[in-house]
PDB file of N, CA and C in Angstrom:
ATOM      1  N   MET A   1     126.680  86.509  58.632  1.00  0.00           N
ATOM      2  CA  MET A   1     127.865  86.832  59.385  1.00  0.00           C
ATOM      3  C   MET A   1     127.508  87.909  60.400  1.00  0.00           C
ATOM      4  N   THR A   2     127.901  87.730  61.646  1.00  0.00           N
ATOM      5  CA  THR A   2     127.613  88.712  62.691  1.00  0.00           C
ATOM      6  C   THR A   2     128.796  89.636  62.870  1.00  0.00           C
ATOM      7  N   GLN A   3     128.499  90.845  63.326  1.00  0.00           N
ATOM      8  CA  GLN A   3     129.549  91.817  63.578  1.00  0.00           C
ATOM      9  C   GLN A   3     129.726  91.989  65.069  1.00  0.00           C
ATOM     10  N   ASP A   4     130.947  92.097  65.497  1.00  0.00           N
ATOM     11  CA  ASP A   4     131.264  92.286  66.905  1.00  0.00           C
ATOM     12  C   ASP A   4     131.448  93.770  67.168  1.00  0.00           C
ATOM     13  N   ASN A   5     130.789  94.294  68.227  1.00  0.00           N
ATOM     14  CA  ASN A   5     130.901  95.717  68.548  1.00  0.00           C
ATOM     15  C   ASN A   5     132.317  96.104  68.934  1.00  0.00           C
ATOM     16  N   ALA A   6     133.105  95.159  69.451  1.00  0.00           N
ATOM     17  CA  ALA A   6     134.480  95.468  69.832  1.00  0.00           C
ATOM     18  C   ALA A   6     135.328  95.762  68.597  1.00  0.00           C
ATOM     19  N   SER A   7     135.037  95.096  67.484  1.00  0.00           N
ATOM     20  CA  SER A   7     135.813  95.337  66.273  1.00  0.00           C
ATOM     21  C   SER A   7     135.309  96.547  65.501  1.00  0.00           C
ATOM     22  N   ASN A   8     134.134  97.044  65.820  1.00  0.00           N
ATOM     23  CA  ASN A   8     133.558  98.216  65.167  1.00  0.00           C
ATOM     24  C   ASN A   8     133.338  99.319  66.186  1.00  0.00           C
ATOM     25  N   PRO A   9     134.366 100.124  66.458  1.00  0.00           N
ATOM     26  CA  PRO A   9     134.163 101.198  67.438  1.00  0.00           C
ATOM     27  C   PRO A   9     133.181 102.235  66.909  1.00  0.00           C
ATOM     28  N   ALA A  10     132.684 103.067  67.820  1.00  0.00           N
ATOM     29  CA  ALA A  10     131.744 104.115  67.435  1.00  0.00           C
ATOM     30  C   ALA A  10     132.414 105.046  66.430  1.00  0.00           C
ATOM     31  N   PRO A  11     131.694 105.462  65.406  1.00  0.00           N
ATOM     32  CA  PRO A  11     132.286 106.361  64.419  1.00  0.00           C
ATOM     33  C   PRO A  11     132.642 107.704  65.049  1.00  0.00           C
ATOM     34  N   ALA A  12     133.654 108.324  64.484  1.00  0.00           N
ATOM     35  CA  ALA A  12     134.100 109.611  65.010  1.00  0.00           C
ATOM     36  C   ALA A  12     133.029 110.672  64.806  1.00  0.00           C
ATOM     37  N   ALA A  13     132.912 111.566  65.765  1.00  0.00           N
ATOM     38  CA  ALA A  13     131.941 112.656  65.674  1.00  0.00           C
ATOM     39  C   ALA A  13     132.398 113.636  64.599  1.00  0.00           C
ATOM     40  N   THR A  14     131.443 114.191  63.884  1.00  0.00           N
ATOM     41  CA  THR A  14     131.791 115.127  62.810  1.00  0.00           C
ATOM     42  C   THR A  14     131.983 116.547  63.318  1.00  0.00           C
ATOM     43  N   ASN A  15     131.425 116.880  64.477  1.00  0.00           N
ATOM     44  CA  ASN A  15     131.643 118.202  65.055  1.00  0.00           C
ATOM     45  C   ASN A  15     131.612 118.097  66.579  1.00  0.00           C
ATOM     46  N   ALA A  16     131.987 119.170  67.245  1.00  0.00           N
ATOM     47  CA  ALA A  16     132.097 119.149  68.707  1.00  0.00           C
ATOM     48  C   ALA A  16     130.750 118.916  69.376  1.00  0.00           C
ATOM     49  N   ALA A  17     129.694 119.506  68.858  1.00  0.00           N
ATOM     50  CA  ALA A  17     128.371 119.342  69.471  1.00  0.00           C
ATOM     51  C   ALA A  17     127.939 117.881  69.423  1.00  0.00           C
ATOM     52  N   GLU A  18     128.185 117.219  68.313  1.00  0.00           N
ATOM     53  CA  GLU A  18     127.820 115.807  68.186  1.00  0.00           C
ATOM     54  C   GLU A  18     128.643 114.947  69.140  1.00  0.00           C
ATOM     55  N   PHE A  19     129.878 115.350  69.398  1.00  0.00           N
ATOM     56  CA  PHE A  19     130.748 114.591  70.300  1.00  0.00           C
ATOM     57  C   PHE A  19     130.264 114.698  71.744  1.00  0.00           C
ATOM     58  N   PHE A  20     129.863 115.888  72.177  1.00  0.00           N
ATOM     59  CA  PHE A  20     129.492 116.113  73.576  1.00  0.00           C
ATOM     60  C   PHE A  20     128.017 115.880  73.877  1.00  0.00           C
ATOM     61  N   VAL A  21     127.147 115.981  72.897  1.00  0.00           N
ATOM     62  CA  VAL A  21     125.707 115.830  73.124  1.00  0.00           C
ATOM     63  C   VAL A  21     125.209 114.634  72.310  1.00  0.00           C
ATOM     64  N   PRO A  22     124.810 113.555  72.993  1.00  0.00           N
ATOM     65  CA  PRO A  22     124.363 112.362  72.261  1.00  0.00           C
ATOM     66  C   PRO A  22     122.920 112.510  71.769  1.00  0.00           C
ATOM     67  N   TYR A  23     122.723 113.353  70.764  1.00  0.00           N
ATOM     68  CA  TYR A  23     121.360 113.651  70.314  1.00  0.00           C
ATOM     69  C   TYR A  23     120.665 112.444  69.687  1.00  0.00           C
ATOM     70  N   LYS A  24     121.411 111.412  69.324  1.00  0.00           N
ATOM     71  CA  LYS A  24     120.790 110.206  68.769  1.00  0.00           C
ATOM     72  C   LYS A  24     120.314 109.254  69.858  1.00  0.00           C
ATOM     73  N   ASN A  25     120.650 109.548  71.111  1.00  0.00           N
ATOM     74  CA  ASN A  25     120.272 108.700  72.237  1.00  0.00           C
ATOM     75  C   ASN A  25     119.489 109.553  73.238  1.00  0.00           C
ATOM     76  N   GLY A  26     118.207 109.707  72.990  1.00  0.00           N
ATOM     77  CA  GLY A  26     117.361 110.555  73.826  1.00  0.00           C
ATOM     78  C   GLY A  26     117.252 110.071  75.259  1.00  0.00           C
ATOM     79  N   PHE A  27     117.294 108.744  75.472  1.00  0.00           N
ATOM     80  CA  PHE A  27     117.207 108.221  76.831  1.00  0.00           C
ATOM     81  C   PHE A  27     118.425 108.627  77.661  1.00  0.00           C
ATOM     82  N   ALA A  28     119.612 108.549  77.064  1.00  0.00           N
ATOM     83  CA  ALA A  28     120.827 108.936  77.786  1.00  0.00           C
ATOM     84  C   ALA A  28     120.817 110.429  78.093  1.00  0.00           C
ATOM     85  N   LEU A  29     120.375 111.215  77.137  1.00  0.00           N
ATOM     86  CA  LEU A  29     120.326 112.663  77.332  1.00  0.00           C
ATOM     87  C   LEU A  29     119.309 113.031  78.416  1.00  0.00           C
ATOM     88  N   ALA A  30     118.134 112.392  78.384  1.00  0.00           N
ATOM     89  CA  ALA A  30     117.116 112.631  79.413  1.00  0.00           C
ATOM     90  C   ALA A  30     117.626 112.198  80.780  1.00  0.00           C
ATOM     91  N   ALA A  31     118.309 111.055  80.839  1.00  0.00           N
ATOM     92  CA  ALA A  31     118.852 110.567  82.108  1.00  0.00           C
ATOM     93  C   ALA A  31     119.842 111.566  82.694  1.00  0.00           C
ATOM     94  N   TYR A  32     120.677 112.129  81.846  1.00  0.00           N
ATOM     95  CA  TYR A  32     121.676 113.097  82.292  1.00  0.00           C
ATOM     96  C   TYR A  32     121.013 114.328  82.917  1.00  0.00           C
ATOM     97  N   TYR A  33     120.075 114.927  82.203  1.00  0.00           N
ATOM     98  CA  TYR A  33     119.436 116.139  82.707  1.00  0.00           C
ATOM     99  C   TYR A  33     118.555 115.862  83.927  1.00  0.00           C
ATOM    100  N   LEU A  34     117.820 114.759  83.913  1.00  0.00           N
ATOM    101  CA  LEU A  34     117.014 114.407  85.081  1.00  0.00           C
ATOM    102  C   LEU A  34     117.917 114.162  86.293  1.00  0.00           C
ATOM    103  N   GLY A  35     119.038 113.494  86.066  1.00  0.00           N
ATOM    104  CA  GLY A  35     119.980 113.227  87.153  1.00  0.00           C
ATOM    105  C   GLY A  35     120.580 114.494  87.723  1.00  0.00           C
ATOM    106  N   ILE A  36     120.939 115.423  86.858  1.00  0.00           N
ATOM    107  CA  ILE A  36     121.516 116.695  87.333  1.00  0.00           C
ATOM    108  C   ILE A  36     120.490 117.472  88.155  1.00  0.00           C
ATOM    109  N   PHE A  37     119.250 117.528  87.695  1.00  0.00           N
ATOM    110  CA  PHE A  37     118.225 118.268  88.428  1.00  0.00           C
ATOM    111  C   PHE A  37     117.719 117.511  89.649  1.00  0.00           C
ATOM    112  N   ALA A  38     118.106 116.247  89.788  1.00  0.00           N
ATOM    113  CA  ALA A  38     117.742 115.474  90.980  1.00  0.00           C
ATOM    114  C   ALA A  38     118.500 115.959  92.207  1.00  0.00           C
ATOM    115  N   PHE A  39     119.525 116.812  92.017  1.00  0.00           N
ATOM    116  CA  PHE A  39     120.243 117.402  93.150  1.00  0.00           C
ATOM    117  C   PHE A  39     119.323 118.293  93.983  1.00  0.00           C
ATOM    118  N   ILE A  40     118.272 118.812  93.377  1.00  0.00           N
ATOM    119  CA  ILE A  40     117.360 119.736  94.068  1.00  0.00           C
ATOM    120  C   ILE A  40     116.553 118.942  95.094  1.00  0.00           C
ATOM    121  N   PRO A  41     116.588 119.370  96.369  1.00  0.00           N
ATOM    122  CA  PRO A  41     115.835 118.639  97.391  1.00  0.00           C
ATOM    123  C   PRO A  41     114.364 118.485  97.025  1.00  0.00           C
ATOM    124  N   VAL A  42     113.781 117.394  97.390  1.00  0.00           N
ATOM    125  CA  VAL A  42     112.403 116.972  97.132  1.00  0.00           C
ATOM    126  C   VAL A  42     112.210 116.578  95.663  1.00  0.00           C
ATOM    127  N   LEU A  43     112.738 117.364  94.730  1.00  0.00           N
ATOM    128  CA  LEU A  43     112.626 117.006  93.318  1.00  0.00           C
ATOM    129  C   LEU A  43     113.453 115.767  92.997  1.00  0.00           C
ATOM    130  N   GLY A  44     114.395 115.436  93.865  1.00  0.00           N
ATOM    131  CA  GLY A  44     115.226 114.258  93.646  1.00  0.00           C
ATOM    132  C   GLY A  44     114.419 112.990  93.530  1.00  0.00           C
ATOM    133  N   ILE A  45     113.357 112.892  94.300  1.00  0.00           N
ATOM    134  CA  ILE A  45     112.503 111.700  94.225  1.00  0.00           C
ATOM    135  C   ILE A  45     111.796 111.664  92.869  1.00  0.00           C
ATOM    136  N   LEU A  46     111.269 112.797  92.456  1.00  0.00           N
ATOM    137  CA  LEU A  46     110.497 112.855  91.212  1.00  0.00           C
ATOM    138  C   LEU A  46     111.362 112.750  89.960  1.00  0.00           C
ATOM    139  N   LEU A  47     112.601 113.234  90.029  1.00  0.00           N
ATOM    140  CA  LEU A  47     113.459 113.256  88.852  1.00  0.00           C
ATOM    141  C   LEU A  47     114.533 112.176  88.870  1.00  0.00           C
ATOM    142  N   GLY A  48     114.994 111.798  90.054  1.00  0.00           N
ATOM    143  CA  GLY A  48     116.092 110.842  90.158  1.00  0.00           C
ATOM    144  C   GLY A  48     115.719 109.438  89.748  1.00  0.00           C
ATOM    145  N   ILE A  49     114.545 108.993  90.141  1.00  0.00           N
ATOM    146  CA  ILE A  49     114.132 107.628  89.809  1.00  0.00           C
ATOM    147  C   ILE A  49     113.922 107.462  88.293  1.00  0.00           C
ATOM    148  N   PRO A  50     113.237 108.405  87.615  1.00  0.00           N
ATOM    149  CA  PRO A  50     113.172 108.290  86.147  1.00  0.00           C
ATOM    150  C   PRO A  50     114.553 108.405  85.489  1.00  0.00           C
ATOM    151  N   ALA A  51     115.454 109.211  86.076  1.00  0.00           N
ATOM    152  CA  ALA A  51     116.809 109.322  85.531  1.00  0.00           C
ATOM    153  C   ALA A  51     117.508 107.965  85.565  1.00  0.00           C
ATOM    154  N   PHE A  52     117.331 107.240  86.652  1.00  0.00           N
ATOM    155  CA  PHE A  52     117.928 105.915  86.791  1.00  0.00           C
ATOM    156  C   PHE A  52     117.454 104.982  85.681  1.00  0.00           C
ATOM    157  N   PHE A  53     116.148 104.914  85.471  1.00  0.00           N
ATOM    158  CA  PHE A  53     115.600 103.996  84.468  1.00  0.00           C
ATOM    159  C   PHE A  53     115.875 104.464  83.037  1.00  0.00           C
ATOM    160  N   CYS A  54     115.851 105.778  82.797  1.00  0.00           N
ATOM    161  CA  CYS A  54     116.226 106.297  81.473  1.00  0.00           C
ATOM    162  C   CYS A  54     117.699 105.997  81.192  1.00  0.00           C
ATOM    163  N   GLY A  55     118.523 106.092  82.220  1.00  0.00           N
ATOM    164  CA  GLY A  55     119.942 105.775  82.065  1.00  0.00           C
ATOM    165  C   GLY A  55     120.163 104.325  81.688  1.00  0.00           C
ATOM    166  N   LEU A  56     119.426 103.422  82.311  1.00  0.00           N
ATOM    167  CA  LEU A  56     119.535 102.004  81.951  1.00  0.00           C
ATOM    168  C   LEU A  56     119.139 101.775  80.500  1.00  0.00           C
ATOM    169  N   LYS A  57     118.049 102.398  80.079  1.00  0.00           N
ATOM    170  CA  LYS A  57     117.580 102.264  78.699  1.00  0.00           C
ATOM    171  C   LYS A  57     118.577 102.909  77.723  1.00  0.00           C
ATOM    172  N   GLY A  58     119.112 104.071  78.087  1.00  0.00           N
ATOM    173  CA  GLY A  58     120.087 104.752  77.244  1.00  0.00           C
ATOM    174  C   GLY A  58     121.388 103.974  77.118  1.00  0.00           C
ATOM    175  N   LEU A  59     121.825 103.346  78.196  1.00  0.00           N
ATOM    176  CA  LEU A  59     123.037 102.529  78.162  1.00  0.00           C
ATOM    177  C   LEU A  59     122.833 101.314  77.270  1.00  0.00           C
ATOM    178  N   SER A  60     121.672 100.702  77.370  1.00  0.00           N
ATOM    179  CA  SER A  60     121.344  99.562  76.514  1.00  0.00           C
ATOM    180  C   SER A  60     121.330  99.978  75.037  1.00  0.00           C
ATOM    181  N   LEU A  61     120.742 101.129  74.756  1.00  0.00           N
ATOM    182  CA  LEU A  61     120.685 101.628  73.383  1.00  0.00           C
ATOM    183  C   LEU A  61     122.093 101.931  72.857  1.00  0.00           C
ATOM    184  N   ALA A  62     122.939 102.534  73.706  1.00  0.00           N
ATOM    185  CA  ALA A  62     124.303 102.866  73.283  1.00  0.00           C
ATOM    186  C   ALA A  62     125.130 101.601  73.031  1.00  0.00           C
ATOM    187  N   ARG A  63     124.861 100.540  73.777  1.00  0.00           N
ATOM    188  CA  ARG A  63     125.584  99.286  73.549  1.00  0.00           C
ATOM    189  C   ARG A  63     125.108  98.588  72.278  1.00  0.00           C
ATOM    190  N   GLN A  64     123.819  98.656  72.002  1.00  0.00           N
ATOM    191  CA  GLN A  64     123.276  98.004  70.805  1.00  0.00           C
ATOM    192  C   GLN A  64     123.603  98.780  69.534  1.00  0.00           C
ATOM    193  N   HIS A  65     123.649 100.114  69.648  1.00  0.00           N
ATOM    194  CA  HIS A  65     123.900 100.984  68.494  1.00  0.00           C
ATOM    195  C   HIS A  65     125.010 101.970  68.861  1.00  0.00           C
ATOM    196  N   PRO A  66     126.278 101.597  68.683  1.00  0.00           N
ATOM    197  CA  PRO A  66     127.392 102.471  69.077  1.00  0.00           C
ATOM    198  C   PRO A  66     127.349 103.850  68.429  1.00  0.00           C
ATOM    199  N   GLU A  67     126.734 103.971  67.263  1.00  0.00           N
ATOM    200  CA  GLU A  67     126.659 105.281  66.609  1.00  0.00           C
ATOM    201  C   GLU A  67     125.765 106.254  67.374  1.00  0.00           C
ATOM    202  N   ALA A  68     124.922 105.737  68.265  1.00  0.00           N
ATOM    203  CA  ALA A  68     124.038 106.602  69.057  1.00  0.00           C
ATOM    204  C   ALA A  68     124.796 107.317  70.169  1.00  0.00           C
ATOM    205  N   ARG A  69     125.911 106.736  70.611  1.00  0.00           N
ATOM    206  CA  ARG A  69     126.742 107.305  71.684  1.00  0.00           C
ATOM    207  C   ARG A  69     125.940 107.466  72.975  1.00  0.00           C
ATOM    208  N   GLY A  70     126.486 108.190  73.955  1.00  0.00           N
ATOM    209  CA  GLY A  70     125.740 108.529  75.155  1.00  0.00           C
ATOM    210  C   GLY A  70     125.985 107.656  76.371  1.00  0.00           C
ATOM    211  N   LYS A  71     127.021 106.806  76.357  1.00  0.00           N
ATOM    212  CA  LYS A  71     127.268 105.942  77.515  1.00  0.00           C
ATOM    213  C   LYS A  71     127.573 106.755  78.776  1.00  0.00           C
ATOM    214  N   VAL A  72     128.365 107.797  78.641  1.00  0.00           N
ATOM    215  CA  VAL A  72     128.725 108.617  79.816  1.00  0.00           C
ATOM    216  C   VAL A  72     127.491 109.333  80.357  1.00  0.00           C
ATOM    217  N   HIS A  73     126.681 109.885  79.482  1.00  0.00           N
ATOM    218  CA  HIS A  73     125.453 110.551  79.918  1.00  0.00           C
ATOM    219  C   HIS A  73     124.536 109.561  80.626  1.00  0.00           C
ATOM    220  N   ALA A  74     124.436 108.348  80.086  1.00  0.00           N
ATOM    221  CA  ALA A  74     123.593 107.326  80.706  1.00  0.00           C
ATOM    222  C   ALA A  74     124.117 106.947  82.085  1.00  0.00           C
ATOM    223  N   TRP A  75     125.439 106.762  82.210  1.00  0.00           N
ATOM    224  CA  TRP A  75     126.015 106.402  83.510  1.00  0.00           C
ATOM    225  C   TRP A  75     125.821 107.512  84.541  1.00  0.00           C
ATOM    226  N   ILE A  76     125.945 108.751  84.121  1.00  0.00           N
ATOM    227  CA  ILE A  76     125.711 109.868  85.047  1.00  0.00           C
ATOM    228  C   ILE A  76     124.265 109.828  85.526  1.00  0.00           C
ATOM    229  N   GLY A  77     123.319 109.580  84.634  1.00  0.00           N
ATOM    230  CA  GLY A  77     121.915 109.464  85.024  1.00  0.00           C
ATOM    231  C   GLY A  77     121.675 108.310  85.973  1.00  0.00           C
ATOM    232  N   ILE A  78     122.312 107.167  85.708  1.00  0.00           N
ATOM    233  CA  ILE A  78     122.145 105.997  86.571  1.00  0.00           C
ATOM    234  C   ILE A  78     122.701 106.266  87.963  1.00  0.00           C
ATOM    235  N   ILE A  79     123.917 106.763  88.026  1.00  0.00           N
ATOM    236  CA  ILE A  79     124.584 106.954  89.324  1.00  0.00           C
ATOM    237  C   ILE A  79     123.962 108.096  90.113  1.00  0.00           C
ATOM    238  N   VAL A  80     123.893 109.274  89.507  1.00  0.00           N
ATOM    239  CA  VAL A  80     123.380 110.448  90.223  1.00  0.00           C
ATOM    240  C   VAL A  80     121.875 110.318  90.476  1.00  0.00           C
ATOM    241  N   GLY A  81     121.134 109.886  89.470  1.00  0.00           N
ATOM    242  CA  GLY A  81     119.691 109.703  89.640  1.00  0.00           C
ATOM    243  C   GLY A  81     119.375 108.648  90.678  1.00  0.00           C
ATOM    244  N   GLY A  82     120.100 107.538  90.630  1.00  0.00           N
ATOM    245  CA  GLY A  82     119.884 106.482  91.618  1.00  0.00           C
ATOM    246  C   GLY A  82     120.239 106.929  93.019  1.00  0.00           C
ATOM    247  N   LEU A  83     121.381 107.586  93.142  1.00  0.00           N
ATOM    248  CA  LEU A  83     121.832 108.039  94.456  1.00  0.00           C
ATOM    249  C   LEU A  83     120.853 109.037  95.073  1.00  0.00           C
ATOM    250  N   PHE A  84     120.501 110.060  94.328  1.00  0.00           N
ATOM    251  CA  PHE A  84     119.627 111.090  94.879  1.00  0.00           C
ATOM    252  C   PHE A  84     118.155 110.689  94.875  1.00  0.00           C
ATOM    253  N   GLY A  85     117.712 110.005  93.836  1.00  0.00           N
ATOM    254  CA  GLY A  85     116.307 109.588  93.773  1.00  0.00           C
ATOM    255  C   GLY A  85     115.957 108.588  94.848  1.00  0.00           C
ATOM    256  N   PHE A  86     116.690 107.488  94.878  1.00  0.00           N
ATOM    257  CA  PHE A  86     116.395 106.453  95.866  1.00  0.00           C
ATOM    258  C   PHE A  86     116.834 106.880  97.264  1.00  0.00           C
ATOM    259  N   GLY A  87     117.886 107.685  97.345  1.00  0.00           N
ATOM    260  CA  GLY A  87     118.323 108.197  98.652  1.00  0.00           C
ATOM    261  C   GLY A  87     117.289 109.111  99.285  1.00  0.00           C
ATOM    262  N   GLN A  88     116.753 110.033  98.502  1.00  0.00           N
ATOM    263  CA  GLN A  88     115.723 110.924  99.038  1.00  0.00           C
ATOM    264  C   GLN A  88     114.423 110.175  99.315  1.00  0.00           C
ATOM    265  N   LEU A  89     114.128 109.141  98.527  1.00  0.00           N
ATOM    266  CA  LEU A  89     112.954 108.318  98.797  1.00  0.00           C
ATOM    267  C   LEU A  89     113.114 107.586 100.129  1.00  0.00           C
ATOM    268  N   ALA A  90     114.289 107.007 100.359  1.00  0.00           N
ATOM    269  CA  ALA A  90     114.548 106.322 101.631  1.00  0.00           C
ATOM    270  C   ALA A  90     114.463 107.299 102.797  1.00  0.00           C
ATOM    271  N   LEU A  91     115.004 108.492 102.629  1.00  0.00           N
ATOM    272  CA  LEU A  91     114.942 109.506 103.676  1.00  0.00           C
ATOM    273  C   LEU A  91     113.500 109.914 103.958  1.00  0.00           C
ATOM    274  N   ALA A  92     112.693 110.078 102.918  1.00  0.00           N
ATOM    275  CA  ALA A  92     111.285 110.433 103.105  1.00  0.00           C
ATOM    276  C   ALA A  92     110.531 109.325 103.838  1.00  0.00           C
ATOM    277  N   ILE A  93     110.835 108.083 103.514  1.00  0.00           N
ATOM    278  CA  ILE A  93     110.188 106.962 104.211  1.00  0.00           C
ATOM    279  C   ILE A  93     110.593 106.944 105.680  1.00  0.00           C
ATOM    280  N   LEU A  94     111.871 107.157 105.955  1.00  0.00           N
ATOM    281  CA  LEU A  94     112.342 107.188 107.354  1.00  0.00           C
ATOM    282  C   LEU A  94     111.690 108.324 108.139  1.00  0.00           C
ATOM    283  N   VAL A  95     111.577 109.481 107.524  1.00  0.00           N
ATOM    284  CA  VAL A  95     110.926 110.613 108.190  1.00  0.00           C
ATOM    285  C   VAL A  95     109.452 110.290 108.438  1.00  0.00           C
ATOM    286  N   GLY A  96     108.786 109.716 107.453  1.00  0.00           N
ATOM    287  CA  GLY A  96     107.380 109.330 107.614  1.00  0.00           C
ATOM    288  C   GLY A  96     107.183 108.325 108.717  1.00  0.00           C
ATOM    289  N   VAL A  97     108.031 107.317 108.784  1.00  0.00           N
ATOM    290  CA  VAL A  97     107.951 106.306 109.850  1.00  0.00           C
ATOM    291  C   VAL A  97     108.222 106.945 111.201  1.00  0.00           C
ATOM    292  N   GLY A  98     109.207 107.837 111.250  1.00  0.00           N
ATOM    293  CA  GLY A  98     109.493 108.536 112.511  1.00  0.00           C
ATOM    294  C   GLY A  98     108.334 109.383 112.975  1.00  0.00           C
ATOM    295  N   LEU A  99     107.704 110.091 112.068  1.00  0.00           N
ATOM    296  CA  LEU A  99     106.527 110.902 112.427  1.00  0.00           C
ATOM    297  C   LEU A  99     105.374 110.005 112.896  1.00  0.00           C
ATOM    298  N   LEU A 100     105.166 108.903 112.219  1.00  0.00           N
ATOM    299  CA  LEU A 100     104.113 107.977 112.585  1.00  0.00           C
ATOM    300  C   LEU A 100     104.352 107.383 113.977  1.00  0.00           C
ATOM    301  N   ILE A 101     105.573 107.023 114.252  1.00  0.00           N
ATOM    302  CA  ILE A 101     105.909 106.481 115.580  1.00  0.00           C
ATOM    303  C   ILE A 101     105.732 107.538 116.655  1.00  0.00           C
ATOM    304  N   SER A 102     106.122 108.775 116.376  1.00  0.00           N
ATOM    305  CA  SER A 102     105.984 109.835 117.387  1.00  0.00           C
ATOM    306  C   SER A 102     104.515 110.181 117.666  1.00  0.00           C
ATOM    307  N   VAL A 103     103.657 110.063 116.648  1.00  0.00           N
ATOM    308  CA  VAL A 103     102.244 110.352 116.826  1.00  0.00           C
ATOM    309  C   VAL A 103     101.552 109.204 117.543  1.00  0.00           C
ATOM    310  N   VAL A 104     101.825 107.974 117.140  1.00  0.00           N
ATOM    311  CA  VAL A 104     101.165 106.803 117.703  1.00  0.00           C
ATOM    312  C   VAL A 104     101.746 106.452 119.074  1.00  0.00           C
ATOM    313  N   GLY A 105     103.043 106.493 119.183  1.00  0.00           N
ATOM    314  CA  GLY A 105     103.685 105.993 120.400  1.00  0.00           C
ATOM    315  C   GLY A 105     103.916 107.043 121.397  1.00  0.00           C
TER     316      GLY A 105
END
């Protein structure tokens, strides 16, 4: 017999720290912190892209194991990490292409 995740919601947290910090889902937690620190210029490329992929892994883990929690942390890592990581990467590529064109042309 299979169990449906919709009929089995995540168990209630036993204390406030467990409710706010998904310590059972390291990928979601890493995605959150990497995403937050991706706000720092230049570091956004180095931290934002891993935040995006950690967030995807953390979201998958939270869906497979509801007791692990961390969906919000994972989504923050995906959105903020993706926005700043890939955004700063695109900006760096545009600046590089512009410099190359100005030197060559």
